[in-house]
Amino acid sequence: MRCEVANIVTNIKIMKKEFDDIRPYYDSEVPDAIKRIVNHPQFHIALDYLFPAEKHQEILEDVSRIRTSVDFQRMFMLPAMKAILAKTSDGLTFEGFENIENGNPGVFISNHRDILLDSALLQAVLYELRLETSEIASGSNLMVSDFVIDLSKVNRILTVVREGTPRELLANSRILSAYIRHNILDKKTSVWIAQRKGRTKDGLDKTETGILKMLTSTGPKDVIQAIRDVNIIPVCISYEWEPCDVLKIKENYYSRRDGYVKDGNEDFKSVINGIVNYKGHIHISVAKPVNSILHNIDEGMVKSAIYNYIVHYIDEQVYSLYKLWPSNYLAYDLKNNSNKYSSRYTTQTKEHFNKRLQRVIEALGKDPDELKELFIEMYANPVIQREIIKNK
């Protein structure tokens, strides 16, 4: 066992030089990045959207004094999230944060509905509750310019490399794994990561087994201990109205045919749509950590069965904790031609649902019946999954 631990430590030390390609900025690098950010035209466009003009000079002065990434989250991202919520939502609620032990870092594995907001809103709640914020794993496909890279790395975002040959992707996955383990075991810093590659586009929040394989690939051979080390904490976020519904339905529509290829700027468009489009109510739930159920696993189970057991736990927690909105209940009744949940939505819900559906149909200009089917399924599936859990 001592030899195994020594090898792991040595491997992490060797990999540290490779962390530079994916890590956020060190605090020593933040001041220079802040200078570049505040002088960039896109930052001033963001200020115009987020804050009243009379506040701009004060905010610029505050941001210019930032010296650490945590300060950036506190002094800029927190006010920015509050501004976005005020402009485009009916409020944010949350529960289950007592399941997070301050000073006990872990991996927040979250369902993935919006590229930016899923992780950013979690950070805002953590800070408001005086809990430690985390680093955030995000795809390299989003690093579209020097300005975005600066803004991301100052905001404690680490890069998940999405491009390369199978061998390169495997090597990068191991580097990511080692970096996350180094964060948790050595730096005592948590990491947020999505449960899957890409956002959920059909309302089915499914954890990819590959996430667990990545997290354990540089850990002890004992997979249960490797999982225990990283302290996985499932997180669920739910939006009353999907801010990127047009783009999600578009991708689902074309994926049914010859596959879907995003244009070069589509992910960035999704980030912007997620920020500016109406979201209704938003809710974040935190489940009990995976470590709380590891004692139920037979140590004789094969590795694949252990992964499946944990994936099932995460998925069940997400579906159980997902906040079901009137939009979800209406979609369920529409899909099943029923009135089962008619008491859970109103005429206003129907009107807004139909308005958003019509916007999708007009924007995409494809078969209205199929687009309607995809739209209804996206909102109905969380209710269907909740019923499956209840009926087990």
Protein backbone atom coordinates (compact mmCIF):
# COMPACT_ATOMS: atom_id res chain seq x y z
CA MET A 1 0.00 0.00 0.00
CA ARG A 2 2.85 2.41 0.87
CA CYS A 3 4.45 1.73 -2.50
CA GLU A 4 1.17 2.40 -4.29
CA VAL A 5 0.68 5.73 -2.47
CA ALA A 6 4.28 6.72 -3.22
CA ASN A 7 3.77 6.00 -6.91
CA ILE A 8 0.60 8.11 -6.99
CA VAL A 9 2.37 11.05 -5.31
CA THR A 10 5.29 10.73 -7.75
CA ASN A 11 2.95 10.65 -10.74
CA ILE A 12 1.16 13.78 -9.55
CA LYS A 13 4.50 15.58 -9.09
CA ILE A 14 5.52 14.63 -12.62
CA MET A 15 2.19 15.82 -13.99
CA LYS A 16 2.30 19.20 -12.25
CA LYS A 17 4.25 20.71 -15.14
CA GLU A 18 1.43 19.54 -17.43
CA PHE A 19 -1.18 21.22 -15.25
CA ASP A 20 -0.16 24.58 -16.71
CA ASP A 21 -2.16 23.85 -19.85
CA ILE A 22 -5.43 23.38 -17.96
CA ARG A 23 -5.22 25.16 -14.60
CA PRO A 24 -6.78 28.50 -13.67
CA TYR A 25 -4.45 31.43 -13.04
CA TYR A 26 -2.36 31.46 -9.92
CA ASP A 27 -3.09 34.48 -7.74
CA SER A 28 0.28 35.92 -8.80
CA GLU A 29 -1.02 35.99 -12.39
CA VAL A 30 -4.36 37.59 -11.59
CA PRO A 31 -3.38 41.31 -11.45
CA ASP A 32 -1.96 41.33 -15.00
CA ALA A 33 -5.01 39.44 -16.29
CA ILE A 34 -7.32 41.95 -14.57
CA LYS A 35 -5.56 44.80 -16.37
CA ARG A 36 -6.19 43.10 -19.72
CA ILE A 37 -9.82 42.36 -18.82
CA VAL A 38 -10.82 45.88 -17.72
CA ASN A 39 -9.23 47.37 -20.86
CA HIS A 40 -11.05 45.01 -23.23
CA PRO A 41 -14.12 46.35 -25.12
CA GLN A 42 -16.15 43.19 -24.41
CA PHE A 43 -15.82 43.75 -20.68
CA HIS A 44 -17.42 47.18 -21.08
CA ILE A 45 -20.24 45.63 -23.15
CA ALA A 46 -20.83 43.25 -20.24
CA LEU A 47 -20.88 46.18 -17.81
CA ASP A 48 -23.47 47.94 -19.99
CA TYR A 49 -25.75 44.92 -19.79
CA LEU A 50 -25.24 44.05 -16.14
CA PHE A 51 -25.07 47.36 -14.31
CA PRO A 52 -26.45 50.93 -14.53
CA ALA A 53 -24.09 53.42 -16.16
CA GLU A 54 -23.65 55.39 -12.94
CA LYS A 55 -22.15 52.26 -11.32
CA HIS A 56 -19.55 51.55 -13.99
CA GLN A 57 -16.71 53.67 -12.64
CA GLU A 58 -17.11 52.27 -9.14
CA ILE A 59 -17.13 48.70 -10.47
CA LEU A 60 -14.07 49.33 -12.65
CA GLU A 61 -12.19 50.71 -9.67
CA ASP A 62 -13.20 47.74 -7.51
CA VAL A 63 -12.26 45.20 -10.19
CA SER A 64 -8.92 46.93 -10.81
CA ARG A 65 -8.01 46.34 -7.17
CA ILE A 66 -8.62 42.57 -7.39
CA ARG A 67 -5.54 40.50 -6.56
CA THR A 68 -6.90 36.94 -6.22
CA SER A 69 -9.33 34.65 -8.04
CA VAL A 70 -11.50 34.31 -4.93
CA ASP A 71 -11.75 38.10 -4.79
CA PHE A 72 -12.83 38.12 -8.44
CA GLN A 73 -15.62 35.67 -7.64
CA ARG A 74 -16.69 37.82 -4.69
CA MET A 75 -16.27 41.30 -6.16
CA PHE A 76 -17.39 40.74 -9.74
CA MET A 77 -19.04 37.36 -10.36
CA LEU A 78 -21.34 37.53 -7.33
CA PRO A 79 -22.75 40.97 -8.26
CA ALA A 80 -22.94 39.84 -11.91
CA MET A 81 -24.99 36.76 -10.98
CA LYS A 82 -27.32 38.87 -8.85
CA ALA A 83 -27.80 41.26 -11.78
CA ILE A 84 -28.55 38.40 -14.18
CA LEU A 85 -31.07 36.91 -11.74
CA ALA A 86 -32.76 40.29 -11.31
CA LYS A 87 -33.02 40.86 -15.06
CA THR A 88 -33.93 37.40 -16.34
CA SER A 89 -35.43 35.28 -13.57
CA ASP A 90 -38.10 35.15 -10.89
CA GLY A 91 -35.55 34.27 -8.25
CA LEU A 92 -33.16 31.56 -7.06
CA THR A 93 -33.92 29.12 -4.24
CA PHE A 94 -31.77 26.34 -2.82
CA GLU A 95 -31.68 23.43 -0.39
CA GLY A 96 -29.40 20.71 0.93
CA PHE A 97 -26.29 22.82 1.47
CA GLU A 98 -25.98 21.36 4.95
CA ASN A 99 -24.60 18.31 3.10
CA ILE A 100 -21.44 20.30 2.34
CA GLU A 101 -18.87 20.28 5.11
CA ASN A 102 -16.77 23.44 5.01
CA GLY A 103 -13.11 22.53 4.84
CA ASN A 104 -13.88 19.08 3.44
CA PRO A 105 -13.30 19.55 -0.31
CA GLY A 106 -14.90 17.39 -2.96
CA VAL A 107 -16.10 17.11 -6.53
CA PHE A 108 -19.48 18.70 -7.17
CA ILE A 109 -20.97 16.55 -9.94
CA SER A 110 -23.91 18.49 -11.36
CA ASN A 111 -26.55 18.00 -13.99
CA HIS A 112 -25.83 20.36 -16.86
CA ARG A 113 -28.52 22.67 -18.21
CA ASP A 114 -26.64 25.91 -18.92
CA ILE A 115 -23.00 26.37 -19.90
CA LEU A 116 -22.19 29.26 -17.56
CA LEU A 117 -24.98 29.58 -15.01
CA ASP A 118 -25.03 26.03 -13.58
CA SER A 119 -21.63 26.44 -11.94
CA ALA A 120 -21.69 30.22 -11.48
CA LEU A 121 -24.96 30.19 -9.52
CA LEU A 122 -23.66 27.39 -7.31
CA GLN A 123 -20.59 29.53 -6.53
CA ALA A 124 -22.84 32.48 -5.66
CA VAL A 125 -24.86 30.40 -3.19
CA LEU A 126 -21.72 28.89 -1.65
CA TYR A 127 -20.30 32.35 -1.07
CA GLU A 128 -23.54 33.72 0.37
CA LEU A 129 -23.64 30.78 2.82
CA ARG A 130 -19.99 31.39 3.78
CA LEU A 131 -18.96 28.06 2.28
CA GLU A 132 -15.78 27.72 0.26
CA THR A 133 -16.21 28.15 -3.49
CA SER A 134 -14.67 25.78 -6.00
CA GLU A 135 -12.73 25.62 -9.21
CA ILE A 136 -14.89 24.93 -12.27
CA ALA A 137 -14.21 22.43 -15.07
CA SER A 138 -15.17 23.75 -18.51
CA GLY A 139 -14.58 22.55 -22.07
CA SER A 140 -11.75 23.87 -24.22
CA ASN A 141 -14.35 24.53 -26.93
CA LEU A 142 -15.42 27.60 -24.96
CA MET A 143 -11.96 29.17 -24.96
CA VAL A 144 -12.67 31.17 -28.10
CA SER A 145 -10.50 34.26 -27.52
CA ASP A 146 -7.76 35.67 -25.31
CA PHE A 147 -10.37 37.74 -23.47
CA VAL A 148 -12.53 34.68 -22.69
CA ILE A 149 -9.43 32.76 -21.56
CA ASP A 150 -8.44 35.59 -19.20
CA LEU A 151 -11.98 35.92 -17.84
CA SER A 152 -12.26 32.16 -17.37
CA LYS A 153 -8.92 31.55 -15.72
CA VAL A 154 -9.39 34.48 -13.33
CA ASN A 155 -12.76 32.94 -12.43
CA ARG A 156 -11.06 29.70 -11.31
CA ILE A 157 -12.06 27.79 -14.44
CA LEU A 158 -9.91 24.81 -15.41
CA THR A 159 -9.90 23.51 -18.95
CA VAL A 160 -11.22 20.11 -20.03
CA VAL A 161 -9.51 19.37 -23.36
CA ARG A 162 -12.11 18.28 -25.93
CA GLU A 163 -9.94 17.91 -29.05
CA GLY A 164 -7.34 15.37 -30.10
CA THR A 165 -6.76 11.77 -31.11
CA PRO A 166 -8.06 8.98 -28.84
CA ARG A 167 -4.58 8.61 -27.37
CA GLU A 168 -4.28 12.35 -26.73
CA LEU A 169 -7.74 12.48 -25.16
CA LEU A 170 -6.82 9.60 -22.85
CA ALA A 171 -3.61 11.34 -21.81
CA ASN A 172 -5.46 14.60 -21.21
CA SER A 173 -8.09 12.75 -19.18
CA ARG A 174 -5.38 11.43 -16.87
CA ILE A 175 -3.90 14.90 -16.49
CA LEU A 176 -7.34 16.24 -15.58
CA SER A 177 -7.80 13.39 -13.10
CA ALA A 178 -4.44 14.03 -11.48
CA TYR A 179 -5.15 17.75 -11.31
CA ILE A 180 -8.53 17.26 -9.60
CA ARG A 181 -7.04 14.82 -7.10
CA HIS A 182 -4.18 17.24 -6.45
CA ASN A 183 -6.73 20.00 -5.86
CA ILE A 184 -8.73 17.99 -3.35
CA LEU A 185 -5.99 16.08 -1.53
CA ASP A 186 -3.20 18.68 -1.55
CA LYS A 187 -4.72 22.11 -2.13
CA LYS A 188 -7.94 21.27 -0.25
CA THR A 189 -9.94 22.92 -3.04
CA SER A 190 -13.24 21.61 -4.45
CA VAL A 191 -13.99 21.24 -8.16
CA TRP A 192 -17.29 21.55 -10.04
CA ILE A 193 -17.77 19.27 -13.05
CA ALA A 194 -20.77 18.41 -15.22
CA GLN A 195 -22.17 14.87 -15.07
CA ARG A 196 -21.72 14.51 -18.82
CA LYS A 197 -20.06 16.03 -21.85
CA GLY A 198 -22.39 18.74 -23.14
CA ARG A 199 -25.64 20.04 -21.73
CA THR A 200 -28.79 18.00 -21.27
CA LYS A 201 -31.00 18.81 -24.27
CA ASP A 202 -33.89 16.38 -23.78
CA GLY A 203 -34.55 16.77 -20.06
CA LEU A 204 -32.84 13.46 -19.24
CA ASP A 205 -30.01 14.14 -16.80
CA LYS A 206 -27.78 11.07 -17.12
CA THR A 207 -24.32 10.75 -15.58
CA GLU A 208 -21.64 9.39 -17.89
CA THR A 209 -19.64 6.53 -16.39
CA GLY A 210 -16.60 8.06 -18.05
CA ILE A 211 -16.64 10.86 -15.48
CA LEU A 212 -16.06 8.34 -12.66
CA LYS A 213 -13.42 6.51 -14.70
CA MET A 214 -11.59 9.79 -15.21
CA LEU A 215 -11.76 10.73 -11.52
CA THR A 216 -10.33 7.38 -10.42
CA SER A 217 -7.79 6.84 -13.22
CA THR A 218 -4.90 8.31 -11.21
CA GLY A 219 -6.08 7.13 -7.81
CA PRO A 220 -5.44 3.95 -5.80
CA LYS A 221 -6.18 0.61 -7.46
CA ASP A 222 -8.92 0.13 -4.87
CA VAL A 223 -11.67 1.93 -6.80
CA ILE A 224 -13.84 2.46 -3.72
CA GLN A 225 -10.96 4.23 -1.98
CA ALA A 226 -10.23 6.23 -5.14
CA ILE A 227 -13.85 7.43 -5.14
CA ARG A 228 -13.81 8.10 -1.39
CA ASP A 229 -10.73 10.31 -1.83
CA VAL A 230 -12.47 12.76 -4.14
CA ASN A 231 -15.69 13.04 -2.06
CA ILE A 232 -18.29 13.25 -4.83
CA ILE A 233 -21.25 15.52 -4.01
CA PRO A 234 -24.22 15.36 -6.45
CA VAL A 235 -25.79 18.71 -7.32
CA CYS A 236 -29.03 19.39 -9.21
CA ILE A 237 -30.05 22.67 -10.83
CA SER A 238 -33.46 23.20 -12.42
CA TYR A 239 -34.76 26.10 -14.51
CA GLU A 240 -38.47 26.75 -14.87
CA TRP A 241 -37.89 27.79 -18.49
CA GLU A 242 -34.96 26.62 -20.60
CA PRO A 243 -33.01 29.75 -21.59
CA CYS A 244 -31.48 27.99 -24.63
CA ASP A 245 -34.54 26.07 -25.79
CA VAL A 246 -34.19 27.08 -29.46
CA LEU A 247 -30.60 25.84 -29.74
CA LYS A 248 -31.34 22.65 -27.79
CA ILE A 249 -34.34 21.72 -29.92
CA LYS A 250 -32.34 22.52 -33.05
CA GLU A 251 -29.59 20.12 -32.01
CA ASN A 252 -32.08 17.38 -31.08
CA TYR A 253 -33.92 17.81 -34.40
CA TYR A 254 -30.80 17.41 -36.54
CA SER A 255 -29.34 14.67 -34.31
CA ARG A 256 -32.31 12.50 -35.31
CA ARG A 257 -31.15 12.71 -38.90
CA ASP A 258 -27.57 12.86 -40.12
CA GLY A 259 -26.07 14.06 -36.87
CA TYR A 260 -25.44 17.58 -35.74
CA VAL A 261 -22.33 19.69 -36.26
CA LYS A 262 -22.14 22.93 -34.30
CA ASP A 263 -20.92 26.07 -35.99
CA GLY A 264 -17.77 27.62 -34.55
CA ASN A 265 -19.53 30.17 -32.37
CA GLU A 266 -22.52 28.13 -31.22
CA ASP A 267 -21.26 27.38 -27.70
CA PHE A 268 -20.50 31.06 -27.18
CA LYS A 269 -24.01 31.92 -28.43
CA SER A 270 -25.39 29.49 -25.87
CA VAL A 271 -23.45 31.25 -23.12
CA ILE A 272 -24.96 34.58 -24.17
CA ASN A 273 -28.47 33.13 -24.53
CA GLY A 274 -28.18 31.55 -21.10
CA ILE A 275 -27.35 34.93 -19.63
CA VAL A 276 -29.90 37.15 -21.35
CA ASN A 277 -32.94 34.88 -21.91
CA TYR A 278 -35.78 34.54 -19.40
CA LYS A 279 -35.45 31.59 -17.03
CA GLY A 280 -38.36 31.92 -14.61
CA HIS A 281 -37.60 30.34 -11.24
CA ILE A 282 -34.31 28.54 -10.59
CA HIS A 283 -33.57 26.00 -7.86
CA ILE A 284 -30.33 24.32 -6.71
CA SER A 285 -30.30 21.18 -4.57
CA VAL A 286 -27.32 19.41 -3.00
CA ALA A 287 -27.53 15.69 -2.22
CA LYS A 288 -25.72 13.66 0.41
CA PRO A 289 -22.18 12.81 -0.74
CA VAL A 290 -21.48 9.54 -2.51
CA ASN A 291 -19.21 8.64 0.41
CA SER A 292 -22.33 8.22 2.55
CA ILE A 293 -23.39 5.14 0.54
CA LEU A 294 -20.02 3.52 -0.17
CA HIS A 295 -20.45 1.18 2.81
CA ASN A 296 -23.30 -0.46 0.87
CA ILE A 297 -20.93 -1.62 -1.88
CA ASP A 298 -19.61 -5.15 -1.72
CA GLU A 299 -15.83 -4.91 -1.98
CA GLY A 300 -15.94 -8.00 -4.18
CA MET A 301 -17.90 -6.20 -6.89
CA VAL A 302 -16.11 -5.71 -10.20
CA LYS A 303 -15.09 -2.19 -11.06
CA SER A 304 -17.77 -1.69 -13.73
CA ALA A 305 -20.51 -2.70 -11.26
CA ILE A 306 -19.16 -0.21 -8.71
CA TYR A 307 -19.23 2.56 -11.30
CA ASN A 308 -22.78 1.64 -12.29
CA TYR A 309 -23.91 1.62 -8.66
CA ILE A 310 -22.54 5.11 -8.07
CA VAL A 311 -23.88 6.47 -11.37
CA HIS A 312 -27.29 5.12 -10.41
CA TYR A 313 -27.06 6.88 -7.03
CA ILE A 314 -26.11 10.21 -8.62
CA ASP A 315 -28.86 9.98 -11.25
CA GLU A 316 -31.48 9.01 -8.69
CA GLN A 317 -30.48 11.95 -6.49
CA VAL A 318 -30.67 14.37 -9.41
CA TYR A 319 -34.11 13.14 -10.50
CA SER A 320 -35.38 13.12 -6.91
CA LEU A 321 -34.09 16.62 -6.14
CA TYR A 322 -35.02 18.21 -9.47
CA LYS A 323 -37.52 20.98 -8.77
CA LEU A 324 -40.57 20.25 -10.91
CA TRP A 325 -42.19 23.43 -12.21
CA PRO A 326 -45.66 24.06 -13.67
CA SER A 327 -44.01 23.92 -17.12
CA ASN A 328 -42.89 20.34 -16.45
CA TYR A 329 -46.31 19.18 -15.26
CA LEU A 330 -48.05 20.81 -18.23
CA ALA A 331 -45.65 19.13 -20.65
CA TYR A 332 -46.29 15.76 -19.02
CA ASP A 333 -50.05 16.14 -19.50
CA LEU A 334 -49.59 17.27 -23.09
CA LYS A 335 -47.33 14.32 -23.85
CA ASN A 336 -49.76 11.82 -22.30
CA ASN A 337 -52.97 13.58 -23.36
CA SER A 338 -54.06 13.64 -19.71
CA ASN A 339 -55.17 15.96 -16.93
CA LYS A 340 -53.21 14.14 -14.24
CA TYR A 341 -51.35 17.24 -13.09
CA SER A 342 -53.83 19.93 -14.16
CA SER A 343 -53.93 21.38 -10.64
CA ARG A 344 -50.20 22.16 -10.86
CA TYR A 345 -50.33 24.68 -13.70
CA THR A 346 -52.49 27.59 -14.80
CA THR A 347 -53.80 29.22 -17.96
CA GLN A 348 -50.81 31.57 -17.75
CA THR A 349 -48.48 28.57 -17.78
CA LYS A 350 -50.18 27.28 -20.93
CA GLU A 351 -49.95 30.67 -22.62
CA HIS A 352 -46.27 31.09 -21.87
CA PHE A 353 -45.52 27.47 -22.84
CA ASN A 354 -47.23 27.92 -26.21
CA LYS A 355 -45.51 31.26 -26.76
CA ARG A 356 -42.08 29.71 -26.25
CA LEU A 357 -43.00 26.71 -28.43
CA GLN A 358 -44.10 29.03 -31.21
CA ARG A 359 -40.81 30.92 -30.93
CA VAL A 360 -38.91 27.65 -31.41
CA ILE A 361 -40.99 26.70 -34.47
CA GLU A 362 -40.55 30.13 -36.07
CA ALA A 363 -36.81 30.23 -35.35
CA LEU A 364 -36.10 26.77 -36.80
CA GLY A 365 -38.67 26.67 -39.61
CA LYS A 366 -38.89 22.86 -39.62
CA ASP A 367 -41.70 20.33 -39.17
CA PRO A 368 -43.91 21.96 -36.47
CA ASP A 369 -45.26 18.64 -35.20
CA GLU A 370 -41.81 17.17 -34.64
CA LEU A 371 -40.50 20.37 -33.04
CA LYS A 372 -43.51 20.38 -30.74
CA GLU A 373 -42.84 16.76 -29.78
CA LEU A 374 -39.20 17.53 -28.94
CA PHE A 375 -40.15 20.65 -27.00
CA ILE A 376 -42.76 18.82 -24.92
CA GLU A 377 -40.39 15.91 -24.21
CA MET A 378 -37.68 18.25 -22.97
CA TYR A 379 -40.00 19.60 -20.27
CA ALA A 380 -41.91 16.36 -19.57
CA ASN A 381 -38.97 14.02 -19.03
CA PRO A 382 -38.08 15.20 -15.49
CA VAL A 383 -41.63 14.33 -14.37
CA ILE A 384 -41.44 10.93 -16.08
CA GLN A 385 -38.15 10.16 -14.35
CA ARG A 386 -39.54 11.22 -10.98
CA GLU A 387 -42.45 8.82 -11.46
CA ILE A 388 -40.09 5.99 -12.36
CA ILE A 389 -38.19 6.54 -9.10
CA LYS A 390 -41.39 6.68 -7.06
CA ASN A 391 -42.67 3.46 -8.58
CA LYS A 392 -39.56 1.42 -7.88
